[in-house]
């Protein structure tokens, strides 16, 4: 097997982890937030932080790294192609949301849930905001999947 085949395998596998974890966490967060169970909310926020740090973040980095490596070594791919540009923009948006908002806000929500409980109005408002933005992030990830499959602009 060629290096590019192994890179494509790792690229696709880690993209599955990234997108799959995002969808599952989004659904699970909706259910937990609606439960009103303080202890469940607090425990869940710890699990979300763990999955973000140990699954979603590393998966995103692996997707970007292998994608850049494939683009650098394959003759048929170029950084100037529309589908690669769209992919880089989409990945940047998703990663900035994750590192700049979801991670820090998740930590803040965890502390807030421990201090005030799940019924706190501010916690509920901020959780709804996080859920809305996470749904937008899922749309970005679905777009990225579409982009990788259909490769717009590739002749």
N, C-alpha and C. Protein backbone atom coordinates (compact mmCIF):
# COMPACT_ATOMS: atom_id res chain seq x y z
N UNK A 1 0.83 -1.18 0.00
CA UNK A 1 0.00 0.00 0.00
C UNK A 1 0.88 1.25 0.00
N UNK A 2 0.34 2.25 -0.64
CA UNK A 2 1.03 3.52 -0.76
C UNK A 2 0.80 4.39 0.47
N UNK A 3 1.72 5.32 0.70
CA UNK A 3 1.57 6.28 1.79
C UNK A 3 0.27 7.07 1.66
N UNK A 4 -0.05 7.50 0.45
CA UNK A 4 -1.26 8.30 0.25
C UNK A 4 -2.52 7.52 0.63
N UNK A 5 -2.52 6.21 0.43
CA UNK A 5 -3.68 5.40 0.83
C UNK A 5 -3.82 5.35 2.35
N UNK A 6 -2.71 5.20 3.05
CA UNK A 6 -2.75 5.21 4.51
C UNK A 6 -3.18 6.58 5.04
N UNK A 7 -2.68 7.63 4.40
CA UNK A 7 -3.08 8.97 4.81
C UNK A 7 -4.57 9.19 4.58
N UNK A 8 -5.08 8.72 3.44
CA UNK A 8 -6.52 8.86 3.16
C UNK A 8 -7.34 8.07 4.18
N UNK A 9 -6.87 6.88 4.54
CA UNK A 9 -7.56 6.07 5.55
C UNK A 9 -7.63 6.82 6.89
N UNK A 10 -6.51 7.34 7.33
CA UNK A 10 -6.46 8.08 8.60
C UNK A 10 -7.32 9.34 8.50
N UNK A 11 -7.27 10.01 7.37
CA UNK A 11 -8.05 11.22 7.14
C UNK A 11 -9.55 10.93 7.28
N UNK A 12 -10.01 9.90 6.62
CA UNK A 12 -11.44 9.54 6.65
C UNK A 12 -11.84 9.02 8.03
N UNK A 13 -11.04 8.17 8.62
CA UNK A 13 -11.36 7.61 9.94
C UNK A 13 -11.47 8.70 10.99
N UNK A 14 -10.51 9.60 11.02
CA UNK A 14 -10.55 10.66 12.04
C UNK A 14 -11.66 11.67 11.74
N UNK A 15 -12.01 11.86 10.47
CA UNK A 15 -13.16 12.72 10.14
C UNK A 15 -14.45 12.09 10.66
N UNK A 16 -14.54 10.76 10.57
CA UNK A 16 -15.70 10.07 11.13
C UNK A 16 -15.80 10.29 12.63
N UNK A 17 -14.67 10.22 13.33
CA UNK A 17 -14.67 10.47 14.77
C UNK A 17 -15.11 11.90 15.07
N UNK A 18 -14.55 12.85 14.34
CA UNK A 18 -14.84 14.27 14.57
C UNK A 18 -16.32 14.57 14.34
N UNK A 19 -16.83 14.19 13.18
CA UNK A 19 -18.23 14.48 12.85
C UNK A 19 -19.17 13.66 13.73
N UNK A 20 -18.87 12.38 13.90
CA UNK A 20 -19.73 11.52 14.70
C UNK A 20 -19.82 11.98 16.15
N UNK A 21 -18.70 12.31 16.73
CA UNK A 21 -18.70 12.78 18.12
C UNK A 21 -19.47 14.09 18.24
N UNK A 22 -19.32 14.97 17.27
CA UNK A 22 -20.04 16.24 17.29
C UNK A 22 -21.55 16.05 17.25
N UNK A 23 -22.02 15.15 16.39
CA UNK A 23 -23.45 14.88 16.28
C UNK A 23 -23.98 14.24 17.57
N UNK A 24 -23.27 13.23 18.06
CA UNK A 24 -23.72 12.54 19.28
C UNK A 24 -23.73 13.49 20.47
N UNK A 25 -22.69 14.27 20.64
CA UNK A 25 -22.64 15.22 21.75
C UNK A 25 -23.76 16.25 21.65
N UNK A 26 -24.06 16.68 20.45
CA UNK A 26 -25.13 17.65 20.26
C UNK A 26 -26.47 17.06 20.71
N UNK A 27 -26.76 15.85 20.29
CA UNK A 27 -28.01 15.20 20.70
C UNK A 27 -28.04 14.94 22.20
N UNK A 28 -26.94 14.44 22.73
CA UNK A 28 -26.89 14.13 24.17
C UNK A 28 -26.99 15.39 25.01
N UNK A 29 -26.36 16.46 24.59
CA UNK A 29 -26.43 17.71 25.34
C UNK A 29 -27.86 18.22 25.39
N UNK A 30 -28.58 18.11 24.29
CA UNK A 30 -29.98 18.53 24.26
C UNK A 30 -30.80 17.75 25.28
N UNK A 31 -30.60 16.46 25.35
CA UNK A 31 -31.36 15.63 26.29
C UNK A 31 -31.01 15.94 27.74
N UNK A 32 -29.72 16.06 28.01
CA UNK A 32 -29.28 16.32 29.38
C UNK A 32 -29.75 17.70 29.84
N UNK A 33 -29.65 18.69 28.97
CA UNK A 33 -30.06 20.04 29.34
C UNK A 33 -31.56 20.09 29.65
N UNK A 34 -32.33 19.30 28.94
CA UNK A 34 -33.78 19.30 29.15
C UNK A 34 -34.19 18.50 30.39
N UNK A 35 -33.30 17.68 30.93
CA UNK A 35 -33.66 16.81 32.06
C UNK A 35 -33.88 17.59 33.35
N UNK A 36 -33.14 18.68 33.53
CA UNK A 36 -33.25 19.43 34.77
C UNK A 36 -32.58 18.76 35.96
N UNK A 37 -31.90 17.67 35.74
CA UNK A 37 -31.22 16.92 36.80
C UNK A 37 -29.83 17.53 37.01
N UNK A 38 -29.68 18.25 38.14
CA UNK A 38 -28.43 18.98 38.40
C UNK A 38 -27.20 18.09 38.33
N UNK A 39 -27.23 16.96 38.99
CA UNK A 39 -26.06 16.08 39.03
C UNK A 39 -25.75 15.53 37.65
N UNK A 40 -26.77 15.20 36.90
CA UNK A 40 -26.57 14.69 35.53
C UNK A 40 -25.91 15.75 34.66
N UNK A 41 -26.35 16.99 34.78
CA UNK A 41 -25.77 18.09 33.99
C UNK A 41 -24.30 18.27 34.34
N UNK A 42 -23.98 18.28 35.63
CA UNK A 42 -22.60 18.48 36.08
C UNK A 42 -21.72 17.34 35.58
N UNK A 43 -22.17 16.11 35.73
CA UNK A 43 -21.39 14.94 35.28
C UNK A 43 -21.21 14.98 33.77
N UNK A 44 -22.25 15.33 33.07
CA UNK A 44 -22.18 15.35 31.61
C UNK A 44 -21.18 16.39 31.11
N UNK A 45 -21.14 17.56 31.75
CA UNK A 45 -20.19 18.58 31.32
C UNK A 45 -18.75 18.09 31.45
N UNK A 46 -18.49 17.29 32.47
CA UNK A 46 -17.14 16.71 32.62
C UNK A 46 -16.84 15.75 31.46
N UNK A 47 -17.83 14.97 31.06
CA UNK A 47 -17.63 14.03 29.95
C UNK A 47 -17.44 14.76 28.62
N UNK A 48 -18.18 15.84 28.42
CA UNK A 48 -18.03 16.62 27.20
C UNK A 48 -16.62 17.21 27.12
N UNK A 49 -16.15 17.74 28.23
CA UNK A 49 -14.80 18.30 28.25
C UNK A 49 -13.76 17.21 27.93
N UNK A 50 -13.92 16.04 28.52
CA UNK A 50 -13.01 14.93 28.26
C UNK A 50 -13.03 14.56 26.77
N UNK A 51 -14.22 14.39 26.20
CA UNK A 51 -14.32 14.01 24.79
C UNK A 51 -13.78 15.09 23.87
N UNK A 52 -14.00 16.33 24.22
CA UNK A 52 -13.44 17.42 23.42
C UNK A 52 -11.93 17.40 23.40
N UNK A 53 -11.35 17.18 24.58
CA UNK A 53 -9.88 17.19 24.69
C UNK A 53 -9.22 15.94 24.13
N UNK A 54 -9.88 14.79 24.25
CA UNK A 54 -9.23 13.53 23.92
C UNK A 54 -9.73 12.86 22.65
N UNK A 55 -10.85 13.33 22.08
CA UNK A 55 -11.35 12.73 20.85
C UNK A 55 -11.55 13.78 19.75
N UNK A 56 -12.36 14.78 20.03
CA UNK A 56 -12.71 15.74 18.98
C UNK A 56 -11.50 16.58 18.57
N UNK A 57 -10.81 17.16 19.53
CA UNK A 57 -9.64 17.98 19.20
C UNK A 57 -8.56 17.21 18.45
N UNK A 58 -8.11 16.07 18.99
CA UNK A 58 -7.09 15.30 18.26
C UNK A 58 -7.57 14.81 16.89
N UNK A 59 -8.84 14.46 16.78
CA UNK A 59 -9.37 14.03 15.49
C UNK A 59 -9.32 15.17 14.48
N UNK A 60 -9.71 16.37 14.92
CA UNK A 60 -9.67 17.53 14.02
C UNK A 60 -8.25 17.81 13.55
N UNK A 61 -7.31 17.74 14.47
CA UNK A 61 -5.90 17.97 14.12
C UNK A 61 -5.42 16.91 13.12
N UNK A 62 -5.80 15.66 13.35
CA UNK A 62 -5.40 14.58 12.44
C UNK A 62 -6.02 14.77 11.05
N UNK A 63 -7.28 15.19 10.99
CA UNK A 63 -7.93 15.45 9.70
C UNK A 63 -7.18 16.54 8.94
N UNK A 64 -6.88 17.62 9.61
CA UNK A 64 -6.18 18.74 8.96
C UNK A 64 -4.77 18.31 8.54
N UNK A 65 -4.07 17.66 9.45
CA UNK A 65 -2.70 17.24 9.14
C UNK A 65 -2.61 16.28 7.96
N UNK A 66 -3.46 15.26 7.97
CA UNK A 66 -3.41 14.30 6.86
C UNK A 66 -3.90 14.94 5.56
N UNK A 67 -4.89 15.84 5.67
CA UNK A 67 -5.37 16.52 4.47
C UNK A 67 -4.30 17.37 3.83
N UNK A 68 -3.57 18.11 4.65
CA UNK A 68 -2.48 18.94 4.13
C UNK A 68 -1.37 18.05 3.55
N UNK A 69 -1.07 16.96 4.23
CA UNK A 69 -0.03 16.04 3.75
C UNK A 69 -0.43 15.44 2.39
N UNK A 70 -1.67 14.99 2.28
CA UNK A 70 -2.16 14.43 1.01
C UNK A 70 -2.06 15.48 -0.09
N UNK A 71 -2.50 16.69 0.20
CA UNK A 71 -2.47 17.76 -0.80
C UNK A 71 -1.03 18.05 -1.24
N UNK A 72 -0.10 17.97 -0.31
CA UNK A 72 1.30 18.26 -0.63
C UNK A 72 1.95 17.17 -1.50
N UNK A 73 1.53 15.91 -1.34
CA UNK A 73 2.22 14.83 -2.06
C UNK A 73 1.50 14.32 -3.30
N UNK A 74 0.22 14.59 -3.42
CA UNK A 74 -0.55 14.09 -4.57
C UNK A 74 -0.53 15.12 -5.70
N UNK A 75 -0.25 14.65 -6.91
CA UNK A 75 -0.16 15.54 -8.07
C UNK A 75 -1.51 16.11 -8.48
N UNK A 76 -2.58 15.37 -8.27
CA UNK A 76 -3.90 15.78 -8.73
C UNK A 76 -4.58 16.78 -7.78
N UNK A 77 -3.96 17.05 -6.65
CA UNK A 77 -4.54 17.97 -5.67
C UNK A 77 -3.64 19.19 -5.54
N UNK A 78 -4.27 20.37 -5.41
CA UNK A 78 -3.50 21.60 -5.23
C UNK A 78 -4.24 22.50 -4.24
N UNK A 79 -3.47 23.25 -3.47
CA UNK A 79 -4.05 24.17 -2.50
C UNK A 79 -4.88 25.26 -3.17
N UNK A 80 -4.72 25.48 -4.45
CA UNK A 80 -5.46 26.51 -5.17
C UNK A 80 -6.82 26.03 -5.66
N UNK A 81 -7.12 24.74 -5.53
CA UNK A 81 -8.40 24.22 -6.00
C UNK A 81 -9.53 24.65 -5.06
N UNK A 82 -10.69 24.93 -5.66
CA UNK A 82 -11.83 25.45 -4.90
C UNK A 82 -12.20 24.53 -3.74
N UNK A 83 -12.27 23.24 -3.96
CA UNK A 83 -12.70 22.32 -2.89
C UNK A 83 -11.71 22.29 -1.74
N UNK A 84 -10.45 22.48 -2.01
CA UNK A 84 -9.44 22.53 -0.94
C UNK A 84 -9.57 23.85 -0.17
N UNK A 85 -9.78 24.94 -0.89
CA UNK A 85 -9.97 26.24 -0.23
C UNK A 85 -11.19 26.20 0.67
N UNK A 86 -12.31 25.67 0.14
CA UNK A 86 -13.53 25.55 0.94
C UNK A 86 -13.30 24.69 2.18
N UNK A 87 -12.55 23.61 2.00
CA UNK A 87 -12.26 22.71 3.13
C UNK A 87 -11.44 23.44 4.19
N UNK A 88 -10.43 24.16 3.77
CA UNK A 88 -9.59 24.87 4.73
C UNK A 88 -10.37 25.95 5.48
N UNK A 89 -11.25 26.66 4.77
CA UNK A 89 -12.08 27.68 5.42
C UNK A 89 -13.04 27.02 6.41
N UNK A 90 -13.72 25.95 5.98
CA UNK A 90 -14.66 25.25 6.86
C UNK A 90 -14.00 24.68 8.09
N UNK A 91 -12.85 24.08 7.90
CA UNK A 91 -12.10 23.52 9.04
C UNK A 91 -11.67 24.63 9.99
N UNK A 92 -11.22 25.74 9.44
CA UNK A 92 -10.81 26.86 10.28
C UNK A 92 -11.98 27.37 11.11
N UNK A 93 -13.15 27.50 10.50
CA UNK A 93 -14.33 27.97 11.23
C UNK A 93 -14.67 27.00 12.36
N UNK A 94 -14.71 25.72 12.04
CA UNK A 94 -15.06 24.72 13.06
C UNK A 94 -14.03 24.64 14.18
N UNK A 95 -12.76 24.68 13.83
CA UNK A 95 -11.73 24.60 14.86
C UNK A 95 -11.70 25.86 15.72
N UNK A 96 -11.91 27.02 15.11
CA UNK A 96 -11.97 28.25 15.90
C UNK A 96 -13.15 28.24 16.86
N UNK A 97 -14.29 27.75 16.38
CA UNK A 97 -15.45 27.61 17.28
C UNK A 97 -15.12 26.67 18.43
N UNK A 98 -14.49 25.56 18.11
CA UNK A 98 -14.17 24.57 19.14
C UNK A 98 -13.18 25.09 20.16
N UNK A 99 -12.07 25.62 19.69
CA UNK A 99 -11.03 26.08 20.61
C UNK A 99 -11.35 27.43 21.23
N UNK A 100 -12.03 28.28 20.47
CA UNK A 100 -12.28 29.62 20.95
C UNK A 100 -13.56 29.80 21.74
N UNK A 101 -14.53 28.90 21.49
CA UNK A 101 -15.80 29.06 22.19
C UNK A 101 -16.24 27.79 22.92
N UNK A 102 -16.39 26.68 22.21
CA UNK A 102 -16.95 25.47 22.84
C UNK A 102 -16.13 24.99 24.03
N UNK A 103 -14.83 24.90 23.86
CA UNK A 103 -13.98 24.44 24.96
C UNK A 103 -14.05 25.35 26.18
N UNK A 104 -13.73 26.63 26.01
CA UNK A 104 -13.78 27.53 27.17
C UNK A 104 -15.19 27.67 27.76
N UNK A 105 -16.20 27.78 26.90
CA UNK A 105 -17.56 27.95 27.42
C UNK A 105 -18.04 26.67 28.11
N UNK A 106 -17.64 25.52 27.59
CA UNK A 106 -17.99 24.26 28.25
C UNK A 106 -17.43 24.20 29.67
N UNK A 107 -16.19 24.66 29.83
CA UNK A 107 -15.58 24.69 31.17
C UNK A 107 -16.33 25.65 32.08
N UNK A 108 -16.66 26.82 31.54
CA UNK A 108 -17.41 27.80 32.34
C UNK A 108 -18.78 27.26 32.73
N UNK A 109 -19.45 26.58 31.81
CA UNK A 109 -20.77 26.01 32.11
C UNK A 109 -20.66 24.91 33.16
N UNK A 110 -19.60 24.13 33.10
CA UNK A 110 -19.38 23.10 34.12
C UNK A 110 -19.24 23.70 35.50
N UNK A 111 -18.45 24.76 35.60
CA UNK A 111 -18.29 25.43 36.90
C UNK A 111 -19.60 26.06 37.37
N UNK A 112 -20.31 26.67 36.43
CA UNK A 112 -21.58 27.31 36.77
C UNK A 112 -22.60 26.27 37.24
N UNK A 113 -22.63 25.12 36.58
CA UNK A 113 -23.56 24.05 36.98
C UNK A 113 -23.22 23.54 38.38
N UNK A 114 -21.93 23.40 38.67
CA UNK A 114 -21.53 22.94 40.00
C UNK A 114 -21.90 23.96 41.08
N UNK A 115 -21.73 25.24 40.76
CA UNK A 115 -21.99 26.31 41.74
C UNK A 115 -23.47 26.57 41.95
N UNK A 116 -24.23 26.62 40.84
CA UNK A 116 -25.61 27.08 40.94
C UNK A 116 -26.67 26.02 40.67
N UNK A 117 -26.27 24.91 40.05
CA UNK A 117 -27.25 23.87 39.69
C UNK A 117 -27.82 24.09 38.29
N UNK A 118 -28.42 23.05 37.76
CA UNK A 118 -28.91 23.06 36.39
C UNK A 118 -30.11 23.97 36.18
N UNK A 119 -30.78 24.34 37.24
CA UNK A 119 -31.97 25.18 37.09
C UNK A 119 -31.64 26.66 37.01
N UNK A 120 -30.38 27.02 37.12
CA UNK A 120 -29.97 28.42 37.07
C UNK A 120 -30.33 29.01 35.70
N UNK A 121 -31.04 30.16 35.67
CA UNK A 121 -31.45 30.77 34.40
C UNK A 121 -30.27 31.12 33.48
N UNK A 122 -29.19 31.63 34.07
CA UNK A 122 -28.03 31.98 33.24
C UNK A 122 -27.43 30.74 32.60
N UNK A 123 -27.35 29.65 33.36
CA UNK A 123 -26.83 28.40 32.82
C UNK A 123 -27.69 27.92 31.66
N UNK A 124 -29.01 27.97 31.82
CA UNK A 124 -29.91 27.52 30.75
C UNK A 124 -29.76 28.39 29.50
N UNK A 125 -29.65 29.69 29.68
CA UNK A 125 -29.49 30.60 28.54
C UNK A 125 -28.18 30.32 27.80
N UNK A 126 -27.11 30.18 28.56
CA UNK A 126 -25.80 29.94 27.94
C UNK A 126 -25.73 28.56 27.31
N UNK A 127 -26.41 27.58 27.89
CA UNK A 127 -26.46 26.24 27.31
C UNK A 127 -27.22 26.27 25.99
N UNK A 128 -28.34 27.00 25.93
CA UNK A 128 -29.09 27.13 24.67
C UNK A 128 -28.22 27.78 23.59
N UNK A 129 -27.46 28.80 23.97
CA UNK A 129 -26.58 29.47 23.01
C UNK A 129 -25.51 28.49 22.50
N UNK A 130 -24.93 27.74 23.42
CA UNK A 130 -23.92 26.77 23.04
C UNK A 130 -24.51 25.72 22.11
N UNK A 131 -25.73 25.26 22.40
CA UNK A 131 -26.39 24.28 21.54
C UNK A 131 -26.65 24.84 20.14
N UNK A 132 -27.10 26.08 20.08
CA UNK A 132 -27.35 26.70 18.77
C UNK A 132 -26.07 26.77 17.96
N UNK A 133 -25.00 27.24 18.56
CA UNK A 133 -23.73 27.33 17.84
C UNK A 133 -23.18 25.95 17.50
N UNK A 134 -23.41 24.98 18.37
CA UNK A 134 -22.92 23.63 18.06
C UNK A 134 -23.70 23.04 16.89
N UNK A 135 -24.97 23.39 16.76
CA UNK A 135 -25.74 22.93 15.59
C UNK A 135 -25.23 23.59 14.31
N UNK A 136 -24.84 24.84 14.40
CA UNK A 136 -24.23 25.50 13.25
C UNK A 136 -22.90 24.83 12.90
N UNK A 137 -22.15 24.43 13.91
CA UNK A 137 -20.89 23.73 13.67
C UNK A 137 -21.15 22.38 12.98
N UNK A 138 -22.21 21.70 13.38
CA UNK A 138 -22.56 20.44 12.71
C UNK A 138 -22.84 20.70 11.23
N UNK A 139 -23.54 21.79 10.93
CA UNK A 139 -23.79 22.13 9.53
C UNK A 139 -22.48 22.38 8.78
N UNK A 140 -21.53 23.02 9.43
CA UNK A 140 -20.21 23.23 8.80
C UNK A 140 -19.56 21.88 8.53
N UNK A 141 -19.64 20.95 9.49
CA UNK A 141 -19.03 19.63 9.30
C UNK A 141 -19.74 18.84 8.20
N UNK A 142 -21.06 18.98 8.10
CA UNK A 142 -21.79 18.32 7.01
C UNK A 142 -21.37 18.92 5.67
N UNK A 143 -21.22 20.25 5.63
CA UNK A 143 -20.74 20.89 4.41
C UNK A 143 -19.35 20.38 4.04
N UNK A 144 -18.48 20.25 5.02
CA UNK A 144 -17.13 19.73 4.75
C UNK A 144 -17.19 18.31 4.18
N UNK A 145 -18.09 17.50 4.71
CA UNK A 145 -18.24 16.14 4.19
C UNK A 145 -18.71 16.19 2.73
N UNK A 146 -19.69 17.04 2.44
CA UNK A 146 -20.16 17.22 1.07
C UNK A 146 -18.99 17.66 0.16
N UNK A 147 -18.22 18.63 0.64
CA UNK A 147 -17.09 19.16 -0.11
C UNK A 147 -16.07 18.06 -0.43
N UNK A 148 -15.79 17.21 0.53
CA UNK A 148 -14.82 16.14 0.33
C UNK A 148 -15.33 15.08 -0.66
N UNK A 149 -16.62 14.83 -0.67
CA UNK A 149 -17.18 13.83 -1.56
C UNK A 149 -17.29 14.37 -2.99
N UNK A 150 -17.85 15.57 -3.16
CA UNK A 150 -18.15 16.09 -4.49
C UNK A 150 -17.05 16.95 -5.09
N UNK A 151 -16.12 17.45 -4.29
CA UNK A 151 -14.96 18.20 -4.74
C UNK A 151 -15.32 19.26 -5.80
N UNK A 152 -16.12 20.26 -5.42
CA UNK A 152 -16.51 21.27 -6.41
C UNK A 152 -15.29 21.97 -7.01
N UNK A 153 -15.36 22.20 -8.31
CA UNK A 153 -14.26 22.86 -9.01
C UNK A 153 -13.20 21.91 -9.54
N UNK A 154 -13.26 20.63 -9.14
CA UNK A 154 -12.27 19.67 -9.64
C UNK A 154 -12.75 19.15 -10.99
N UNK A 155 -11.92 19.29 -11.98
CA UNK A 155 -12.27 18.85 -13.35
C UNK A 155 -12.02 17.38 -13.50
